[in-house]
Structure formats: C-alpha cells, structure tokens
Amino acid sequence: MTEQQVPAYAIAYLRDVAFGADIIQYMREIDGTFGAFGGEFVVHGGRKHPMEGEWDGDIVVIRFPDYAAALGWYESADYQRILPLRVQNSTSIAVIVEGVEPGHTGTSKVDQMLSNSPRP
C-alpha cells in the first residue's frame, strides 16, 4: 500500500497587528512567495464567532500540497525576507501542521494511538 500525500497547513494566530506600511508590504508580497510551493490561502481573517475562551485575534491558514512544501515555503529565502515585517508588527504564534488522508475519522486516530501505545 502506498502512502497517500496529505496536505499541510501553515496556521498563524495574529493579535495586536500594527496596520501600517510594513504590514501592507508583507501582505502585498506574501502571495509571490507561494509559487514554487503550491501554497494558497484558505482562511485569511474573516468573520468569526468565538465558541470557547477569549478570542482577540485573527487566524490565517495557508494550505500546501504536503508537509515538505509547507516547511520549504516557511524556510525559503523569499518568505524569510518578508517575515520580519509581520513578526515585528504583531503578536503572533505560527505552526506548520500535517493534514489527514481523505476519509479520516476520530475512530481512525484512536486505533492509531492504541496500536502505538505499549500494552500492559
């Protein structure tokens, strides 16, 4: 059985964004950093309704074809060049996370966790 390629996501939670020249430049240039890596926005701010806890920021989610592409984009010279424009003008946390295969269920994760845990 061959392993199926699963998407990966770059997710950022942004607060206290100083919307000025640096952030505008960052937003104008970020799309140009996606090309070789197949990145595309799937969430970029937008309407939200907090369901649990305090929510005082915005979410950005960028989808990539796979984990290697997401890491490659983040570590690329083009993205690293503009990254300070965001981090110096906002409070943020960011993560690259691997997605799941089509048909994934909560039960599949439980089965995976149980198969990887030591038995008493």
Protein backbone atom coordinates (compact mmCIF):
# COMPACT_ATOMS: atom_id res chain seq x y z
CA MET A 1 0.00 0.00 0.00
CA THR A 2 1.44 3.38 -0.97
CA GLU A 3 1.27 6.28 1.40
CA GLN A 4 -1.12 8.96 0.19
CA GLN A 5 0.09 12.54 0.01
CA VAL A 6 -1.79 14.67 2.53
CA PRO A 7 -1.97 18.44 2.62
CA ALA A 8 -0.23 20.52 5.24
CA TYR A 9 -1.20 23.87 6.67
CA ALA A 10 0.66 26.94 7.86
CA ILE A 11 -1.52 28.41 10.60
CA ALA A 12 -0.95 31.75 12.29
CA TYR A 13 -2.90 33.38 15.11
CA LEU A 14 -2.33 37.14 14.97
CA ARG A 15 -3.11 39.76 17.61
CA ASP A 16 -2.23 43.39 18.09
CA VAL A 17 -1.42 43.95 14.42
CA ALA A 18 0.09 47.40 13.81
CA PHE A 19 -1.54 48.01 10.44
CA GLY A 20 0.96 50.27 8.73
CA ALA A 21 3.47 50.33 5.89
CA ASP A 22 5.30 47.15 6.96
CA ILE A 23 2.16 45.01 7.23
CA ILE A 24 0.88 46.39 3.93
CA GLN A 25 4.19 45.47 2.28
CA TYR A 26 4.07 41.98 3.85
CA MET A 27 0.52 41.40 2.58
CA ARG A 28 1.41 42.62 -0.91
CA GLU A 29 4.45 40.33 -1.13
CA ILE A 30 3.32 37.10 0.55
CA ASP A 31 1.42 35.73 -2.47
CA GLY A 32 4.63 35.85 -4.51
CA THR A 33 6.33 33.52 -2.01
CA PHE A 34 3.84 30.66 -2.59
CA GLY A 35 4.61 29.84 -6.23
CA ALA A 36 7.16 27.03 -6.06
CA PHE A 37 5.46 25.52 -3.01
CA GLY A 38 1.82 25.41 -4.13
CA GLY A 39 0.51 27.48 -1.23
CA GLU A 40 -2.91 29.08 -1.18
CA PHE A 41 -4.93 30.93 1.43
CA VAL A 42 -7.90 29.02 2.83
CA VAL A 43 -8.57 31.38 5.76
CA HIS A 44 -7.37 34.99 5.96
CA GLY A 45 -9.08 36.81 8.80
CA GLY A 46 -12.75 37.00 8.00
CA ARG A 47 -15.89 36.63 10.05
CA LYS A 48 -15.64 34.60 13.25
CA HIS A 49 -17.81 33.62 16.19
CA PRO A 50 -15.82 32.62 19.29
CA MET A 51 -17.26 29.45 20.80
CA GLU A 52 -14.83 28.81 23.67
CA GLY A 53 -12.41 31.07 25.52
CA GLU A 54 -11.30 34.57 24.65
CA TRP A 55 -10.64 35.30 21.02
CA ASP A 56 -8.94 38.59 20.38
CA GLY A 57 -7.14 38.00 17.11
CA ASP A 58 -7.31 36.70 13.59
CA ILE A 59 -6.44 33.36 12.02
CA VAL A 60 -4.58 32.80 8.77
CA VAL A 61 -4.48 29.32 7.23
CA ILE A 62 -2.42 28.55 4.13
CA ARG A 63 -2.76 25.11 2.51
CA PHE A 64 0.19 23.34 0.85
CA PRO A 65 0.25 20.07 -1.09
CA ASP A 66 2.31 18.36 1.63
CA TYR A 67 4.36 18.88 4.77
CA ALA A 68 7.68 19.26 2.91
CA ALA A 69 6.21 22.01 0.72
CA ALA A 70 4.89 23.91 3.76
CA LEU A 71 8.24 23.73 5.55
CA GLY A 72 10.07 24.62 2.35
CA TRP A 73 7.93 27.72 1.93
CA TYR A 74 8.41 28.90 5.52
CA GLU A 75 12.17 28.38 5.36
CA SER A 76 12.55 29.86 1.85
CA ALA A 77 14.68 32.96 1.34
CA ASP A 78 11.71 34.80 -0.19
CA TYR A 79 9.48 34.24 2.85
CA GLN A 80 12.23 34.76 5.41
CA ARG A 81 12.95 38.13 3.77
CA ILE A 82 9.42 39.42 4.48
CA LEU A 83 8.74 37.57 7.74
CA PRO A 84 10.17 40.34 9.97
CA LEU A 85 7.57 42.72 8.53
CA ARG A 86 4.89 40.62 10.25
CA VAL A 87 6.61 39.48 13.44
CA GLN A 88 7.85 42.97 14.29
CA ASN A 89 4.38 44.43 13.83
CA SER A 90 2.13 41.89 15.54
CA THR A 91 1.91 39.42 18.37
CA SER A 92 1.62 36.04 16.73
CA ILE A 93 2.09 32.33 17.02
CA ALA A 94 2.52 30.09 14.00
CA VAL A 95 2.71 26.38 13.24
CA ILE A 96 3.08 24.03 10.29
CA VAL A 97 0.75 21.05 10.72
CA GLU A 98 0.20 17.96 8.61
CA GLY A 99 -3.35 17.28 7.47
CA VAL A 100 -5.12 13.93 7.27
CA GLU A 101 -5.95 11.49 4.48
CA PRO A 102 -9.41 11.59 2.91
CA GLY A 103 -11.86 9.55 4.95
CA HIS A 104 -10.03 10.13 8.23
CA THR A 105 -12.23 9.73 11.32
CA GLY A 106 -11.83 10.16 15.05
CA THR A 107 -12.00 6.39 15.34
CA SER A 108 -9.02 6.04 12.97
CA LYS A 109 -6.96 8.23 15.29
CA VAL A 110 -7.98 6.21 18.35
CA ASP A 111 -7.00 3.00 16.55
CA GLN A 112 -3.65 4.53 15.56
CA MET A 113 -2.97 5.73 19.11
CA LEU A 114 -3.86 2.34 20.59
CA SER A 115 -1.64 0.47 18.12
CA ASN A 116 1.30 2.73 19.06
CA SER A 117 0.86 2.51 22.84
CA PRO A 118 2.53 -0.15 24.98
CA ARG A 119 0.24 -2.87 26.24
CA PRO A 120 0.18 -3.69 29.98
